[in-house]
Amino acid sequence: MSNSNDQIIKLTHALEQLRSKEASIYFLTMDTQGQPKASISLTYDIVKELRKNNYNAIIMHEKNDFHDVTSWLGDGYKDIPHVSIEAKQVEVVISDLVIIPEVFGHVLEQTQEMPCEKMILSQAYDYALETLPPGLTWRNYGVNTCITTSKIQEEYLKTLMGNLKYYEITPYVKECFKKWENPQPPLISIHTRESRDTMKIIKSFYLKFPQFKWITFRDLRNLPTSKFAEDLSESFVSVWVDDISGFGTFPLESMKSGVPVIGKVPNLKPEWLTEDNGIWTYEFNQIVEILGNYVQKWLEDELPEQLYLDMETTSKKYNEQNFKDSVIQVFGDIYERKIGEVRMNLEKLTPVGPEDETLEGSVNELYKN
């Protein structure tokens, strides 16, 4: 009876923690060494929104010397709490959640003994198998839930990981991305996953179109968010190459800034990408030729007005309110499910004997709430 009572006490406490939102949600987060990274930015945005809604969301990192993100994300994130695994600051109980990025597959074995539920946050599907042993999936480590950022990622992950429970959080374009108030100077913003692709495009462009050597390219890599947004908005066109993009924030930021995008369609075509909201190609080697033709049309003021209208229509869908709604919907559903599971387990252990009437009363009181 003693073991049963202990279990009832633990489950009753878990139910209290979940109902009050005092249960911890730990987001395991990569240290970018102070370098801007879109996936980390989204993680911090999720944590920030959860905390605004009274969830106990926390950034968890491996080492003590974790680099502060406010240098590139801004002071709006300085109050988010952090805990270090190395400093043994993490103590989990059954009501807690640990959210693990797909790239951290190597830590799944270490977290198997944790008494709480683990989930995957997948923003970059291409890394899902990166650190998993051959033949194993997330399920082998007790993970049955995945949060991702697009339906197309979910469909792809199902082919690898099977039918886990999937949730989708919709990324958004920050308010700092806005249209340049003055006529845009001859600047081209370029953003590629691989730095060598950036240099290849720039060098090839000047070789093929020497008449445009007076046009300047801006590589937006590793810029703080505010500077990134400012430089992008000043440009008259942007170039994007990211074959393994899981969502594609940059083109949407460009559209919101009123800057047309010339881009290579990723391996997983984003849901927002249409024939009309950018200039797209499936061939990397066509980008320079397309860019040269675009520059000529820009100089001759022959760009179609419809392009800008379609850009605006697309980018408006990815606003902050839709992001906030998706975060609260997802974690509201997760907490509702967890509360139901705890209650079900409690019901299996109760009603209790006459000698434990006080305990039974406290459990029943929780059920009323």
Protein backbone atom coordinates (compact mmCIF):
# COMPACT_ATOMS: atom_id res chain seq x y z
CA MET A 1 0.00 0.00 0.00
CA SER A 2 2.91 2.31 0.80
CA ASN A 3 4.28 2.14 -2.76
CA SER A 4 0.80 2.77 -4.12
CA ASN A 5 0.38 5.78 -1.85
CA ASP A 6 3.75 7.16 -2.91
CA GLN A 7 2.73 6.87 -6.53
CA ILE A 8 -0.59 8.58 -5.83
CA ILE A 9 1.21 11.44 -4.09
CA LYS A 10 3.60 11.87 -7.05
CA LEU A 11 0.77 11.79 -9.58
CA THR A 12 -1.34 14.18 -7.51
CA HIS A 13 1.58 16.61 -7.35
CA ALA A 14 2.10 16.24 -11.12
CA LEU A 15 -1.57 17.05 -11.70
CA GLU A 16 -1.25 20.17 -9.54
CA GLN A 17 1.89 21.25 -11.40
CA LEU A 18 0.28 20.81 -14.81
CA ARG A 19 -2.96 22.56 -13.88
CA SER A 20 -1.10 25.54 -12.41
CA LYS A 21 1.45 25.57 -15.29
CA GLU A 22 4.25 25.31 -12.71
CA ALA A 23 5.62 22.23 -14.49
CA SER A 24 8.87 23.06 -16.26
CA ILE A 25 9.29 22.96 -20.05
CA TYR A 26 13.01 22.66 -20.78
CA PHE A 27 14.13 23.60 -24.29
CA LEU A 28 17.54 22.06 -24.98
CA THR A 29 19.31 24.72 -27.03
CA MET A 30 22.49 24.80 -29.10
CA ASP A 31 25.19 27.33 -28.26
CA THR A 32 25.77 29.30 -31.47
CA GLN A 33 28.87 30.97 -30.00
CA GLY A 34 27.19 34.33 -30.47
CA GLN A 35 26.37 33.76 -34.16
CA PRO A 36 22.79 34.47 -35.34
CA LYS A 37 20.77 31.38 -36.22
CA ALA A 38 17.12 31.37 -37.30
CA SER A 39 16.25 28.11 -35.54
CA ILE A 40 17.58 29.40 -32.21
CA SER A 41 15.69 32.65 -32.69
CA LEU A 42 12.45 30.69 -33.11
CA THR A 43 13.17 28.61 -30.00
CA TYR A 44 13.61 31.77 -27.95
CA ASP A 45 10.43 33.21 -29.42
CA ILE A 46 8.51 30.08 -28.39
CA VAL A 47 9.92 30.23 -24.85
CA LYS A 48 9.17 33.95 -24.60
CA GLU A 49 5.56 33.46 -25.70
CA LEU A 50 5.02 30.54 -23.35
CA ARG A 51 6.32 32.59 -20.41
CA LYS A 52 3.98 35.45 -21.33
CA ASN A 53 1.16 32.94 -20.93
CA ASN A 54 2.39 31.73 -17.53
CA TYR A 55 4.05 28.50 -18.66
CA ASN A 56 7.34 27.76 -16.90
CA ALA A 57 9.45 27.57 -20.07
CA ILE A 58 13.24 27.51 -19.66
CA ILE A 59 16.28 27.41 -21.97
CA MET A 60 18.49 24.42 -21.12
CA HIS A 61 22.07 24.21 -22.40
CA GLU A 62 24.87 21.69 -22.07
CA LYS A 63 27.82 23.81 -20.87
CA ASN A 64 28.23 26.56 -18.29
CA ASP A 65 29.83 29.02 -20.72
CA PHE A 66 26.71 29.39 -22.90
CA HIS A 67 26.92 32.52 -25.09
CA ASP A 68 24.26 35.15 -24.51
CA VAL A 69 21.90 35.67 -27.48
CA THR A 70 20.90 39.25 -26.68
CA SER A 71 23.90 40.50 -28.67
CA TRP A 72 22.11 39.46 -31.86
CA LEU A 73 18.49 38.89 -30.81
CA GLY A 74 18.12 42.02 -28.68
CA ASP A 75 17.35 42.89 -25.07
CA GLY A 76 13.79 41.59 -25.34
CA TYR A 77 15.13 38.13 -24.48
CA LYS A 78 17.35 38.98 -21.51
CA ASP A 79 14.84 37.88 -18.86
CA ILE A 80 14.42 34.33 -20.17
CA PRO A 81 15.79 31.88 -17.55
CA HIS A 82 18.60 29.48 -18.45
CA VAL A 83 19.85 26.31 -16.75
CA SER A 84 23.06 24.40 -17.36
CA ILE A 85 23.27 20.62 -17.52
CA GLU A 86 26.98 20.78 -16.68
CA ALA A 87 26.23 22.74 -13.50
CA LYS A 88 23.62 20.13 -12.52
CA GLN A 89 20.90 22.78 -12.44
CA VAL A 90 18.32 20.53 -14.10
CA GLU A 91 16.04 18.45 -11.89
CA VAL A 92 13.07 16.99 -13.72
CA VAL A 93 9.90 15.39 -12.37
CA ILE A 94 7.14 13.50 -14.15
CA SER A 95 5.09 16.62 -14.90
CA ASP A 96 7.96 18.31 -16.79
CA LEU A 97 8.70 18.35 -20.51
CA VAL A 98 12.09 18.24 -22.22
CA ILE A 99 12.10 19.56 -25.78
CA ILE A 100 15.05 18.32 -27.83
CA PRO A 101 16.10 19.68 -31.25
CA GLU A 102 16.41 17.05 -33.98
CA VAL A 103 20.14 17.76 -34.28
CA PHE A 104 20.63 16.64 -30.65
CA GLY A 105 19.78 13.01 -31.41
CA HIS A 106 22.95 11.97 -29.60
CA VAL A 107 21.53 13.01 -26.22
CA LEU A 108 18.37 10.90 -26.51
CA GLU A 109 20.06 7.89 -24.93
CA GLN A 110 21.22 10.05 -22.01
CA THR A 111 17.68 11.32 -21.42
CA GLN A 112 15.98 7.91 -21.52
CA GLU A 113 16.07 7.58 -17.74
CA MET A 114 14.53 10.99 -17.12
CA PRO A 115 11.13 10.52 -15.45
CA CYS A 116 9.47 13.14 -17.67
CA GLU A 117 8.19 13.19 -21.24
CA LYS A 118 10.62 14.04 -24.07
CA MET A 119 9.66 15.62 -27.39
CA ILE A 120 11.52 16.56 -30.55
CA LEU A 121 11.49 20.08 -31.98
CA SER A 122 12.33 19.63 -35.66
CA GLN A 123 13.09 22.77 -37.63
CA ALA A 124 15.74 21.23 -39.90
CA TYR A 125 14.48 17.85 -41.12
CA ASP A 126 17.78 17.06 -42.86
CA TYR A 127 19.49 16.64 -39.49
CA ALA A 128 16.92 14.21 -38.10
CA LEU A 129 19.17 11.17 -38.71
CA GLU A 130 22.47 12.99 -38.28
CA THR A 131 23.35 11.62 -34.84
CA LEU A 132 21.03 8.60 -34.60
CA PRO A 133 22.54 5.10 -34.91
CA PRO A 134 21.56 3.27 -38.12
CA GLY A 135 18.18 1.59 -37.89
CA LEU A 136 16.96 3.55 -34.87
CA THR A 137 14.27 6.21 -34.68
CA TRP A 138 13.14 8.63 -31.99
CA ARG A 139 10.63 6.02 -30.81
CA ASN A 140 13.50 3.76 -29.75
CA TYR A 141 14.33 6.37 -27.13
CA GLY A 142 10.80 6.78 -25.82
CA VAL A 143 9.96 9.86 -27.91
CA ASN A 144 6.44 9.77 -29.34
CA THR A 145 5.85 13.46 -30.10
CA CYS A 146 7.39 15.91 -32.56
CA ILE A 147 6.83 19.65 -32.94
CA THR A 148 7.74 20.98 -36.37
CA THR A 149 7.31 24.16 -38.40
CA SER A 150 5.56 22.97 -41.56
CA LYS A 151 3.20 20.31 -42.83
CA ILE A 152 5.69 19.26 -45.50
CA GLN A 153 8.35 18.57 -42.86
CA GLU A 154 5.83 16.52 -40.93
CA GLU A 155 5.00 14.42 -43.99
CA TYR A 156 8.69 13.80 -44.67
CA LEU A 157 9.47 12.89 -41.06
CA LYS A 158 6.60 10.39 -41.05
CA THR A 159 8.41 8.44 -43.77
CA LEU A 160 11.41 8.11 -41.45
CA MET A 161 10.04 8.11 -37.91
CA GLY A 162 6.57 6.72 -38.42
CA ASN A 163 3.31 8.08 -37.09
CA LEU A 164 4.37 9.99 -34.04
CA LYS A 165 2.05 12.66 -32.66
CA TYR A 166 2.93 15.79 -34.66
CA TYR A 167 2.25 19.42 -33.82
CA GLU A 168 2.97 22.44 -35.99
CA ILE A 169 4.13 25.86 -34.80
CA THR A 170 3.98 28.53 -37.50
CA PRO A 171 7.09 30.77 -37.69
CA TYR A 172 6.63 34.47 -38.27
CA VAL A 173 8.43 37.47 -39.76
CA LYS A 174 9.51 39.95 -37.09
CA GLU A 175 8.27 43.52 -37.08
CA CYS A 176 11.77 44.90 -37.72
CA PHE A 177 11.44 43.70 -41.32
CA LYS A 178 9.75 46.55 -43.17
CA LYS A 179 9.90 48.41 -46.45
CA TRP A 180 12.65 50.95 -47.13
CA GLU A 181 11.14 54.42 -47.22
CA ASN A 182 13.47 55.77 -49.92
CA PRO A 183 14.25 54.53 -53.45
CA GLN A 184 16.39 51.41 -53.08
CA PRO A 185 20.05 51.79 -54.10
CA PRO A 186 21.85 49.26 -56.36
CA LEU A 187 22.36 46.69 -53.58
CA ILE A 188 21.74 42.95 -53.79
CA SER A 189 21.30 41.00 -50.54
CA ILE A 190 22.38 37.38 -50.66
CA HIS A 191 21.75 34.62 -48.15
CA THR A 192 22.90 31.05 -48.72
CA ARG A 193 23.43 28.11 -46.38
CA GLU A 194 26.92 27.48 -47.75
CA SER A 195 29.29 30.46 -47.90
CA ARG A 196 30.96 29.07 -51.03
CA ASP A 197 27.63 29.39 -52.88
CA THR A 198 27.55 33.08 -52.01
CA MET A 199 30.99 33.68 -53.44
CA LYS A 200 30.28 31.56 -56.51
CA ILE A 201 27.17 33.61 -57.33
CA ILE A 202 28.90 36.96 -56.79
CA LYS A 203 32.01 36.09 -58.84
CA SER A 204 29.99 34.49 -61.63
CA PHE A 205 27.69 37.51 -61.82
CA TYR A 206 30.56 39.97 -62.31
CA LEU A 207 32.15 37.72 -64.93
CA LYS A 208 28.94 37.25 -66.92
CA PHE A 209 27.70 40.81 -66.51
CA PRO A 210 30.76 43.09 -66.30
CA GLN A 211 28.52 46.04 -67.19
CA PHE A 212 26.97 45.71 -63.71
CA LYS A 213 30.19 45.88 -61.69
CA TRP A 214 28.91 49.05 -60.06
CA ILE A 215 26.22 46.99 -58.28
CA THR A 216 27.13 45.86 -54.76
CA PHE A 217 26.35 42.54 -53.09
CA ARG A 218 25.67 42.26 -49.36
CA ASP A 219 26.24 38.93 -47.65
CA LEU A 220 23.79 38.90 -44.74
CA ARG A 221 25.48 36.04 -42.93
CA ASN A 222 26.05 36.42 -39.15
CA LEU A 223 24.41 39.82 -38.77
CA PRO A 224 22.37 40.80 -35.69
CA THR A 225 18.64 40.71 -36.43
CA SER A 226 18.17 44.49 -36.52
CA LYS A 227 21.14 45.03 -38.86
CA PHE A 228 20.06 42.07 -41.00
CA ALA A 229 16.60 43.62 -41.43
CA GLU A 230 17.99 47.07 -42.22
CA ASP A 231 20.45 45.85 -44.85
CA LEU A 232 17.83 43.63 -46.47
CA SER A 233 15.27 46.42 -46.78
CA GLU A 234 17.79 48.67 -48.55
CA SER A 235 18.27 46.12 -51.35
CA PHE A 236 16.40 46.09 -54.65
CA VAL A 237 16.53 42.28 -54.89
CA SER A 238 17.63 39.33 -52.76
CA VAL A 239 19.12 35.93 -53.61
CA TRP A 240 18.39 32.80 -51.57
CA VAL A 241 19.90 29.31 -51.78
CA ASP A 242 19.20 26.71 -49.10
CA ASP A 243 18.58 23.21 -50.41
CA ILE A 244 17.74 21.71 -47.02
CA SER A 245 15.58 24.53 -45.69
CA GLY A 246 12.76 23.22 -43.54
CA PHE A 247 10.65 26.38 -43.72
CA GLY A 248 12.45 29.27 -45.43
CA THR A 249 12.22 32.38 -43.27
CA PHE A 250 14.55 34.54 -45.34
CA PRO A 251 12.36 34.84 -48.48
CA LEU A 252 9.40 35.82 -46.30
CA GLU A 253 11.51 38.45 -44.55
CA SER A 254 12.51 39.71 -47.97
CA MET A 255 8.90 39.84 -49.17
CA LYS A 256 7.78 41.73 -46.06
CA SER A 257 10.61 44.21 -46.72
CA GLY A 258 9.32 44.78 -50.26
CA VAL A 259 12.38 43.11 -51.79
CA PRO A 260 11.74 40.53 -54.56
CA VAL A 261 13.47 37.16 -54.14
CA ILE A 262 15.42 35.16 -56.69
CA GLY A 263 15.80 31.70 -55.21
CA LYS A 264 16.48 28.04 -55.76
CA VAL A 265 13.55 25.84 -54.77
CA PRO A 266 14.65 23.68 -51.79
CA ASN A 267 14.45 19.90 -51.74
CA LEU A 268 11.20 20.24 -49.78
CA LYS A 269 9.22 22.98 -51.49
CA PRO A 270 7.87 25.40 -48.85
CA GLU A 271 4.10 25.68 -48.52
CA TRP A 272 4.21 29.46 -48.99
CA LEU A 273 6.16 29.31 -52.29
CA THR A 274 4.10 30.02 -55.42
CA GLU A 275 4.91 30.79 -59.03
CA ASP A 276 3.93 34.42 -58.49
CA ASN A 277 5.53 35.55 -55.21
CA GLY A 278 9.15 35.30 -56.32
CA ILE A 279 11.46 34.28 -59.15
CA TRP A 280 12.23 30.63 -58.60
CA THR A 281 14.41 28.03 -60.28
CA TYR A 282 15.27 24.39 -59.63
CA GLU A 283 18.77 24.87 -61.07
CA PHE A 284 21.49 26.60 -59.09
CA ASN A 285 23.44 27.44 -62.24
CA GLN A 286 20.50 29.46 -63.60
CA ILE A 287 20.49 31.92 -60.72
CA VAL A 288 23.16 34.25 -62.11
CA GLU A 289 21.47 34.44 -65.52
CA ILE A 290 18.11 35.16 -63.90
CA LEU A 291 19.70 37.81 -61.70
CA GLY A 292 21.30 39.55 -64.67
CA ASN A 293 17.97 39.69 -66.52
CA TYR A 294 16.26 40.96 -63.38
CA VAL A 295 18.80 43.78 -62.96
CA GLN A 296 18.15 44.90 -66.54
CA LYS A 297 14.38 44.98 -65.95
CA TRP A 298 14.88 46.88 -62.70
CA LEU A 299 16.96 49.49 -64.46
CA GLU A 300 14.29 49.84 -67.14
CA ASP A 301 11.52 49.94 -64.53
CA GLU A 302 9.79 46.93 -66.09
CA LEU A 303 9.13 44.84 -62.97
CA PRO A 304 5.47 43.74 -62.71
CA GLU A 305 3.44 45.37 -59.95
CA GLN A 306 1.66 42.06 -59.37
CA LEU A 307 4.90 40.56 -58.05
CA TYR A 308 4.96 43.05 -55.19
CA LEU A 309 1.27 42.49 -54.44
CA ASP A 310 1.76 38.71 -54.26
CA MET A 311 4.81 39.17 -52.01
CA GLU A 312 2.77 41.26 -49.59
CA THR A 313 -0.13 38.79 -49.59
CA THR A 314 2.22 35.89 -48.81
CA SER A 315 4.22 37.57 -46.05
CA LYS A 316 1.11 38.83 -44.23
CA LYS A 317 0.10 35.25 -43.46
CA TYR A 318 3.21 34.76 -41.33
CA ASN A 319 2.50 37.38 -38.71
CA GLU A 320 3.27 37.39 -35.00
CA GLN A 321 -0.32 36.81 -33.90
CA ASN A 322 -0.62 33.61 -35.94
CA PHE A 323 2.67 32.43 -34.42
CA LYS A 324 1.47 33.20 -30.89
CA ASP A 325 -1.83 31.43 -31.51
CA SER A 326 -0.06 28.31 -32.77
CA VAL A 327 2.30 28.19 -29.77
CA ILE A 328 -0.53 28.45 -27.25
CA GLN A 329 -2.70 25.99 -29.20
CA VAL A 330 0.10 23.40 -29.36
CA PHE A 331 1.12 23.56 -25.71
CA GLY A 332 -2.48 23.89 -24.57
CA ASP A 333 -3.22 20.61 -26.39
CA ILE A 334 -0.08 18.97 -24.96
CA TYR A 335 -0.98 19.98 -21.40
CA GLU A 336 -4.58 18.85 -21.85
CA ARG A 337 -3.35 15.44 -22.99
CA LYS A 338 -0.83 15.17 -20.15
CA ILE A 339 -3.45 16.11 -17.56
CA GLY A 340 -5.74 13.44 -18.99
CA GLU A 341 -2.98 10.82 -18.79
CA VAL A 342 -2.14 11.68 -15.19
CA ARG A 343 -5.81 11.57 -14.21
CA MET A 344 -6.20 8.18 -15.89
CA ASN A 345 -3.22 6.80 -13.98
CA LEU A 346 -4.60 8.19 -10.74
CA GLU A 347 -7.97 6.58 -11.38
CA LYS A 348 -6.24 3.20 -11.73
CA LEU A 349 -4.84 3.65 -8.22
CA THR A 350 -8.00 5.01 -6.54
CA PRO A 351 -10.37 4.75 -4.77
CA VAL A 352 -8.10 4.04 -1.85
CA GLY A 353 -8.80 2.26 1.42
CA PRO A 354 -10.55 3.74 4.47
CA GLU A 355 -7.24 4.46 6.17
CA ASP A 356 -6.32 6.85 3.33
CA GLU A 357 -9.49 8.95 3.19
CA THR A 358 -7.54 12.23 3.42
CA LEU A 359 -5.48 11.30 0.38
CA GLU A 360 -8.60 10.26 -1.55
CA GLY A 361 -10.21 13.57 -0.69
CA SER A 362 -7.27 15.58 -2.04
CA VAL A 363 -7.32 13.63 -5.29
CA ASN A 364 -11.05 14.12 -5.72
CA GLU A 365 -10.66 17.82 -5.02
CA LEU A 366 -8.18 18.07 -7.91
CA TYR A 367 -10.63 16.31 -10.22
CA LYS A 368 -13.22 18.98 -9.51
CA ASN A 369 -10.94 21.77 -10.80
